[in-house]
Amino acid sequence: MKDQTNRTGQHTHERIEQPQPFTPAVTKTMVREHAFALYRDKLNHDQPLTLEDWVLAEKDLVKEMQTSGLPT
């Protein structure tokens, strides 16, 4: 995500594309669904997901998969 400053001095955010997952056997769709569940409030206020949001969603998804016994 790129931060930019507009004329009023407020930061604006550019939308970024969802990155490819780093974890084998985890798809973009799985991460997207998990991210939308985690960040529902943020998305309802028209705030884009940042790269950090995508990475944290993937890490959280993998952790949930490991604790539930699903293969990763």
PDB file of N, CA and C in Angstrom:
ATOM      1  N   MET A   1       0.847  -1.174   0.000  1.00  0.00           N
ATOM      2  CA  MET A   1       0.000   0.000   0.000  1.00  0.00           C
ATOM      3  C   MET A   1       0.886   1.228   0.000  1.00  0.00           C
ATOM      4  N   LYS A   2       0.520   2.182  -0.752  1.00  0.00           N
ATOM      5  CA  LYS A   2       1.291   3.405  -0.822  1.00  0.00           C
ATOM      6  C   LYS A   2       0.541   4.495  -0.092  1.00  0.00           C
ATOM      7  N   ASP A   3       1.230   5.153   0.813  1.00  0.00           N
ATOM      8  CA  ASP A   3       0.634   6.302   1.481  1.00  0.00           C
ATOM      9  C   ASP A   3       0.934   7.535   0.647  1.00  0.00           C
ATOM     10  N   GLN A   4      -0.053   8.348   0.462  1.00  0.00           N
ATOM     11  CA  GLN A   4       0.125   9.603  -0.240  1.00  0.00           C
ATOM     12  C   GLN A   4      -0.525  10.690   0.602  1.00  0.00           C
ATOM     13  N   THR A   5      -0.001  11.880   0.493  1.00  0.00           N
ATOM     14  CA  THR A   5      -0.577  12.996   1.223  1.00  0.00           C
ATOM     15  C   THR A   5      -1.302  13.883   0.228  1.00  0.00           C
ATOM     16  N   ASN A   6      -2.573  14.179   0.522  1.00  0.00           N
ATOM     17  CA  ASN A   6      -3.320  15.056  -0.374  1.00  0.00           C
ATOM     18  C   ASN A   6      -3.091  16.517   0.021  1.00  0.00           C
ATOM     19  N   ARG A   7      -3.763  17.417  -0.629  1.00  0.00           N
ATOM     20  CA  ARG A   7      -3.539  18.854  -0.396  1.00  0.00           C
ATOM     21  C   ARG A   7      -3.873  19.296   1.025  1.00  0.00           C
ATOM     22  N   THR A   8      -4.778  18.593   1.684  1.00  0.00           N
ATOM     23  CA  THR A   8      -5.160  18.989   3.043  1.00  0.00           C
ATOM     24  C   THR A   8      -4.231  18.393   4.096  1.00  0.00           C
ATOM     25  N   GLY A   9      -3.251  17.608   3.669  1.00  0.00           N
ATOM     26  CA  GLY A   9      -2.314  17.017   4.611  1.00  0.00           C
ATOM     27  C   GLY A   9      -2.765  15.672   5.153  1.00  0.00           C
ATOM     28  N   GLN A  10      -3.920  15.176   4.694  1.00  0.00           N
ATOM     29  CA  GLN A  10      -4.405  13.881   5.143  1.00  0.00           C
ATOM     30  C   GLN A  10      -3.820  12.787   4.268  1.00  0.00           C
ATOM     31  N   HIS A  11      -3.616  11.614   4.879  1.00  0.00           N
ATOM     32  CA  HIS A  11      -3.079  10.487   4.125  1.00  0.00           C
ATOM     33  C   HIS A  11      -4.202   9.787   3.366  1.00  0.00           C
ATOM     34  N   THR A  12      -3.890   9.401   2.145  1.00  0.00           N
ATOM     35  CA  THR A  12      -4.806   8.597   1.351  1.00  0.00           C
ATOM     36  C   THR A  12      -4.105   7.274   1.071  1.00  0.00           C
ATOM     37  N   HIS A  13      -4.866   6.260   0.725  1.00  0.00           N
ATOM     38  CA  HIS A  13      -4.304   4.941   0.500  1.00  0.00           C
ATOM     39  C   HIS A  13      -4.700   4.443  -0.885  1.00  0.00           C
ATOM     40  N   GLU A  14      -3.741   3.834  -1.580  1.00  0.00           N
ATOM     41  CA  GLU A  14      -4.021   3.210  -2.852  1.00  0.00           C
ATOM     42  C   GLU A  14      -4.366   1.755  -2.610  1.00  0.00           C
ATOM     43  N   ARG A  15      -5.328   1.254  -3.348  1.00  0.00           N
ATOM     44  CA  ARG A  15      -5.651  -0.169  -3.252  1.00  0.00           C
ATOM     45  C   ARG A  15      -4.521  -0.968  -3.888  1.00  0.00           C
ATOM     46  N   ILE A  16      -4.210  -2.119  -3.281  1.00  0.00           N
ATOM     47  CA  ILE A  16      -3.213  -2.996  -3.857  1.00  0.00           C
ATOM     48  C   ILE A  16      -3.873  -4.314  -4.210  1.00  0.00           C
ATOM     49  N   GLU A  17      -3.289  -5.024  -5.136  1.00  0.00           N
ATOM     50  CA  GLU A  17      -3.765  -6.349  -5.494  1.00  0.00           C
ATOM     51  C   GLU A  17      -3.385  -7.322  -4.387  1.00  0.00           C
ATOM     52  N   GLN A  18      -4.200  -8.344  -4.217  1.00  0.00           N
ATOM     53  CA  GLN A  18      -3.892  -9.372  -3.228  1.00  0.00           C
ATOM     54  C   GLN A  18      -2.642 -10.124  -3.685  1.00  0.00           C
ATOM     55  N   PRO A  19      -1.649 -10.252  -2.803  1.00  0.00           N
ATOM     56  CA  PRO A  19      -0.430 -10.966  -3.191  1.00  0.00           C
ATOM     57  C   PRO A  19      -0.649 -12.478  -3.205  1.00  0.00           C
ATOM     58  N   GLN A  20       0.228 -13.190  -3.890  1.00  0.00           N
ATOM     59  CA  GLN A  20       0.197 -14.648  -3.876  1.00  0.00           C
ATOM     60  C   GLN A  20       0.553 -15.132  -2.477  1.00  0.00           C
ATOM     61  N   PRO A  21      -0.116 -16.171  -1.985  1.00  0.00           N
ATOM     62  CA  PRO A  21       0.240 -16.710  -0.663  1.00  0.00           C
ATOM     63  C   PRO A  21       1.639 -17.316  -0.668  1.00  0.00           C
ATOM     64  N   PHE A  22       2.316 -17.232   0.470  1.00  0.00           N
ATOM     65  CA  PHE A  22       3.643 -17.806   0.611  1.00  0.00           C
ATOM     66  C   PHE A  22       3.583 -19.264   1.035  1.00  0.00           C
ATOM     67  N   THR A  23       2.494 -19.645   1.683  1.00  0.00           N
ATOM     68  CA  THR A  23       2.353 -20.982   2.245  1.00  0.00           C
ATOM     69  C   THR A  23       1.877 -21.952   1.176  1.00  0.00           C
ATOM     70  N   PRO A  24       2.611 -23.066   0.979  1.00  0.00           N
ATOM     71  CA  PRO A  24       2.142 -24.080   0.026  1.00  0.00           C
ATOM     72  C   PRO A  24       0.781 -24.629   0.470  1.00  0.00           C
ATOM     73  N   ALA A  25      -0.060 -24.972  -0.471  1.00  0.00           N
ATOM     74  CA  ALA A  25      -1.384 -25.559  -0.252  1.00  0.00           C
ATOM     75  C   ALA A  25      -2.412 -24.545   0.243  1.00  0.00           C
ATOM     76  N   VAL A  26      -2.047 -23.265   0.318  1.00  0.00           N
ATOM     77  CA  VAL A  26      -2.995 -22.211   0.682  1.00  0.00           C
ATOM     78  C   VAL A  26      -3.234 -21.380  -0.576  1.00  0.00           C
ATOM     79  N   THR A  27      -4.506 -21.237  -0.932  1.00  0.00           N
ATOM     80  CA  THR A  27      -4.841 -20.505  -2.153  1.00  0.00           C
ATOM     81  C   THR A  27      -5.214 -19.056  -1.854  1.00  0.00           C
ATOM     82  N   LYS A  28      -5.200 -18.248  -2.907  1.00  0.00           N
ATOM     83  CA  LYS A  28      -5.606 -16.849  -2.755  1.00  0.00           C
ATOM     84  C   LYS A  28      -7.050 -16.761  -2.283  1.00  0.00           C
ATOM     85  N   THR A  29      -7.894 -17.659  -2.758  1.00  0.00           N
ATOM     86  CA  THR A  29      -9.304 -17.653  -2.361  1.00  0.00           C
ATOM     87  C   THR A  29      -9.455 -17.919  -0.870  1.00  0.00           C
ATOM     88  N   MET A  30      -8.697 -18.872  -0.358  1.00  0.00           N
ATOM     89  CA  MET A  30      -8.757 -19.179   1.073  1.00  0.00           C
ATOM     90  C   MET A  30      -8.349 -17.964   1.902  1.00  0.00           C
ATOM     91  N   VAL A  31      -7.268 -17.311   1.491  1.00  0.00           N
ATOM     92  CA  VAL A  31      -6.774 -16.136   2.222  1.00  0.00           C
ATOM     93  C   VAL A  31      -7.779 -14.991   2.105  1.00  0.00           C
ATOM     94  N   ARG A  32      -8.346 -14.796   0.910  1.00  0.00           N
ATOM     95  CA  ARG A  32      -9.300 -13.708   0.695  1.00  0.00           C
ATOM     96  C   ARG A  32     -10.523 -13.878   1.593  1.00  0.00           C
ATOM     97  N   GLU A  33     -11.080 -15.090   1.641  1.00  0.00           N
ATOM     98  CA  GLU A  33     -12.253 -15.333   2.481  1.00  0.00           C
ATOM     99  C   GLU A  33     -11.926 -15.104   3.958  1.00  0.00           C
ATOM    100  N   HIS A  34     -10.750 -15.548   4.381  1.00  0.00           N
ATOM    101  CA  HIS A  34     -10.353 -15.361   5.773  1.00  0.00           C
ATOM    102  C   HIS A  34     -10.129 -13.870   6.071  1.00  0.00           C
ATOM    103  N   ALA A  35      -9.490 -13.170   5.146  1.00  0.00           N
ATOM    104  CA  ALA A  35      -9.248 -11.727   5.334  1.00  0.00           C
ATOM    105  C   ALA A  35     -10.560 -10.961   5.411  1.00  0.00           C
ATOM    106  N   PHE A  36     -11.523 -11.313   4.576  1.00  0.00           N
ATOM    107  CA  PHE A  36     -12.808 -10.619   4.609  1.00  0.00           C
ATOM    108  C   PHE A  36     -13.528 -10.867   5.923  1.00  0.00           C
ATOM    109  N   ALA A  37     -13.380 -12.058   6.488  1.00  0.00           N
ATOM    110  CA  ALA A  37     -13.991 -12.338   7.791  1.00  0.00           C
ATOM    111  C   ALA A  37     -13.282 -11.552   8.903  1.00  0.00           C
ATOM    112  N   LEU A  38     -11.947 -11.479   8.829  1.00  0.00           N
ATOM    113  CA  LEU A  38     -11.182 -10.767   9.864  1.00  0.00           C
ATOM    114  C   LEU A  38     -11.392  -9.258   9.808  1.00  0.00           C
ATOM    115  N   TYR A  39     -11.448  -8.712   8.613  1.00  0.00           N
ATOM    116  CA  TYR A  39     -11.453  -7.263   8.433  1.00  0.00           C
ATOM    117  C   TYR A  39     -12.800  -6.741   7.942  1.00  0.00           C
ATOM    118  N   ARG A  40     -13.872  -7.400   8.317  1.00  0.00           N
ATOM    119  CA  ARG A  40     -15.218  -7.001   7.877  1.00  0.00           C
ATOM    120  C   ARG A  40     -15.503  -5.538   8.200  1.00  0.00           C
ATOM    121  N   ASP A  41     -15.170  -5.105   9.417  1.00  0.00           N
ATOM    122  CA  ASP A  41     -15.442  -3.715   9.813  1.00  0.00           C
ATOM    123  C   ASP A  41     -14.650  -2.724   8.963  1.00  0.00           C
ATOM    124  N   LYS A  42     -13.397  -3.037   8.718  1.00  0.00           N
ATOM    125  CA  LYS A  42     -12.550  -2.147   7.918  1.00  0.00           C
ATOM    126  C   LYS A  42     -13.103  -2.034   6.498  1.00  0.00           C
ATOM    127  N   LEU A  43     -13.532  -3.159   5.942  1.00  0.00           N
ATOM    128  CA  LEU A  43     -14.040  -3.152   4.572  1.00  0.00           C
ATOM    129  C   LEU A  43     -15.390  -2.458   4.471  1.00  0.00           C
ATOM    130  N   ASN A  44     -16.202  -2.504   5.538  1.00  0.00           N
ATOM    131  CA  ASN A  44     -17.496  -1.822   5.533  1.00  0.00           C
ATOM    132  C   ASN A  44     -17.336  -0.308   5.503  1.00  0.00           C
ATOM    133  N   HIS A  45     -16.175   0.188   5.887  1.00  0.00           N
ATOM    134  CA  HIS A  45     -15.913   1.625   5.887  1.00  0.00           C
ATOM    135  C   HIS A  45     -15.072   2.046   4.679  1.00  0.00           C
ATOM    136  N   ASP A  46     -15.074   1.206   3.662  1.00  0.00           N
ATOM    137  CA  ASP A  46     -14.376   1.488   2.397  1.00  0.00           C
ATOM    138  C   ASP A  46     -12.886   1.759   2.573  1.00  0.00           C
ATOM    139  N   GLN A  47     -12.260   1.089   3.538  1.00  0.00           N
ATOM    140  CA  GLN A  47     -10.822   1.195   3.700  1.00  0.00           C
ATOM    141  C   GLN A  47     -10.191  -0.022   3.033  1.00  0.00           C
ATOM    142  N   PRO A  48      -9.219   0.179   2.158  1.00  0.00           N
ATOM    143  CA  PRO A  48      -8.607  -0.957   1.470  1.00  0.00           C
ATOM    144  C   PRO A  48      -7.726  -1.771   2.410  1.00  0.00           C
ATOM    145  N   LEU A  49      -7.557  -3.047   2.077  1.00  0.00           N
ATOM    146  CA  LEU A  49      -6.647  -3.889   2.845  1.00  0.00           C
ATOM    147  C   LEU A  49      -5.215  -3.577   2.427  1.00  0.00           C
ATOM    148  N   THR A  50      -4.344  -3.539   3.414  1.00  0.00           N
ATOM    149  CA  THR A  50      -2.933  -3.261   3.146  1.00  0.00           C
ATOM    150  C   THR A  50      -2.196  -4.571   2.926  1.00  0.00           C
ATOM    151  N   LEU A  51      -0.962  -4.483   2.481  1.00  0.00           N
ATOM    152  CA  LEU A  51      -0.132  -5.674   2.335  1.00  0.00           C
ATOM    153  C   LEU A  51       0.000  -6.371   3.685  1.00  0.00           C
ATOM    154  N   GLU A  52       0.161  -5.594   4.737  1.00  0.00           N
ATOM    155  CA  GLU A  52       0.272  -6.171   6.083  1.00  0.00           C
ATOM    156  C   GLU A  52      -1.005  -6.925   6.456  1.00  0.00           C
ATOM    157  N   ASP A  53      -2.169  -6.392   6.097  1.00  0.00           N
ATOM    158  CA  ASP A  53      -3.439  -7.069   6.366  1.00  0.00           C
ATOM    159  C   ASP A  53      -3.482  -8.433   5.676  1.00  0.00           C
ATOM    160  N   TRP A  54      -3.064  -8.465   4.409  1.00  0.00           N
ATOM    161  CA  TRP A  54      -3.069  -9.726   3.661  1.00  0.00           C
ATOM    162  C   TRP A  54      -2.121 -10.745   4.302  1.00  0.00           C
ATOM    163  N   VAL A  55      -0.938 -10.302   4.688  1.00  0.00           N
ATOM    164  CA  VAL A  55       0.043 -11.212   5.291  1.00  0.00           C
ATOM    165  C   VAL A  55      -0.470 -11.731   6.634  1.00  0.00           C
ATOM    166  N   LEU A  56      -1.021 -10.853   7.455  1.00  0.00           N
ATOM    167  CA  LEU A  56      -1.549 -11.281   8.754  1.00  0.00           C
ATOM    168  C   LEU A  56      -2.725 -12.242   8.586  1.00  0.00           C
ATOM    169  N   ALA A  57      -3.561 -12.012   7.597  1.00  0.00           N
ATOM    170  CA  ALA A  57      -4.691 -12.913   7.346  1.00  0.00           C
ATOM    171  C   ALA A  57      -4.188 -14.302   6.957  1.00  0.00           C
ATOM    172  N   GLU A  58      -3.153 -14.352   6.132  1.00  0.00           N
ATOM    173  CA  GLU A  58      -2.598 -15.652   5.742  1.00  0.00           C
ATOM    174  C   GLU A  58      -1.978 -16.365   6.946  1.00  0.00           C
ATOM    175  N   LYS A  59      -1.221 -15.638   7.745  1.00  0.00           N
ATOM    176  CA  LYS A  59      -0.600 -16.238   8.934  1.00  0.00           C
ATOM    177  C   LYS A  59      -1.665 -16.764   9.894  1.00  0.00           C
ATOM    178  N   ASP A  60      -2.728 -15.985  10.095  1.00  0.00           N
ATOM    179  CA  ASP A  60      -3.800 -16.400  10.993  1.00  0.00           C
ATOM    180  C   ASP A  60      -4.511 -17.636  10.441  1.00  0.00           C
ATOM    181  N   LEU A  61      -4.748 -17.665   9.134  1.00  0.00           N
ATOM    182  CA  LEU A  61      -5.390 -18.813   8.507  1.00  0.00           C
ATOM    183  C   LEU A  61      -4.546 -20.071   8.686  1.00  0.00           C
ATOM    184  N   VAL A  62      -3.245 -19.972   8.454  1.00  0.00           N
ATOM    185  CA  VAL A  62      -2.349 -21.127   8.603  1.00  0.00           C
ATOM    186  C   VAL A  62      -2.344 -21.605  10.050  1.00  0.00           C
ATOM    187  N   LYS A  63      -2.314 -20.677  10.993  1.00  0.00           N
ATOM    188  CA  LYS A  63      -2.334 -21.049  12.405  1.00  0.00           C
ATOM    189  C   LYS A  63      -3.627 -21.796  12.742  1.00  0.00           C
ATOM    190  N   GLU A  64      -4.757 -21.300  12.243  1.00  0.00           N
ATOM    191  CA  GLU A  64      -6.040 -21.983  12.478  1.00  0.00           C
ATOM    192  C   GLU A  64      -6.040 -23.366  11.857  1.00  0.00           C
ATOM    193  N   MET A  65      -5.479 -23.492  10.652  1.00  0.00           N
ATOM    194  CA  MET A  65      -5.431 -24.787   9.994  1.00  0.00           C
ATOM    195  C   MET A  65      -4.562 -25.772  10.787  1.00  0.00           C
ATOM    196  N   GLN A  66      -3.465 -25.299  11.344  1.00  0.00           N
ATOM    197  CA  GLN A  66      -2.577 -26.164  12.120  1.00  0.00           C
ATOM    198  C   GLN A  66      -3.232 -26.600  13.420  1.00  0.00           C
ATOM    199  N   THR A  67      -3.930 -25.719  14.086  1.00  0.00           N
ATOM    200  CA  THR A  67      -4.550 -26.076  15.361  1.00  0.00           C
ATOM    201  C   THR A  67      -5.765 -26.972  15.170  1.00  0.00           C
ATOM    202  N   SER A  68      -6.400 -26.901  13.994  1.00  0.00           N
ATOM    203  CA  SER A  68      -7.564 -27.756  13.743  1.00  0.00           C
ATOM    204  C   SER A  68      -7.162 -29.087  13.135  1.00  0.00           C
ATOM    205  N   GLY A  69      -5.879 -29.245  12.827  1.00  0.00           N
ATOM    206  CA  GLY A  69      -5.395 -30.517  12.279  1.00  0.00           C
ATOM    207  C   GLY A  69      -5.470 -30.622  10.774  1.00  0.00           C
ATOM    208  N   LEU A  70      -5.834 -29.553  10.096  1.00  0.00           N
ATOM    209  CA  LEU A  70      -5.874 -29.572   8.642  1.00  0.00           C
ATOM    210  C   LEU A  70      -4.457 -29.488   8.094  1.00  0.00           C
ATOM    211  N   PRO A  71      -4.171 -30.178   6.995  1.00  0.00           N
ATOM    212  CA  PRO A  71      -2.812 -30.109   6.430  1.00  0.00           C
ATOM    213  C   PRO A  71      -2.545 -28.745   5.815  1.00  0.00           C
ATOM    214  N   THR A  72      -1.295 -28.300   5.948  1.00  0.00           N
ATOM    215  CA  THR A  72      -0.913 -27.014   5.341  1.00  0.00           C
ATOM    216  C   THR A  72       0.170 -27.238   4.331  1.00  0.00           C
TER     217      THR A  72
END
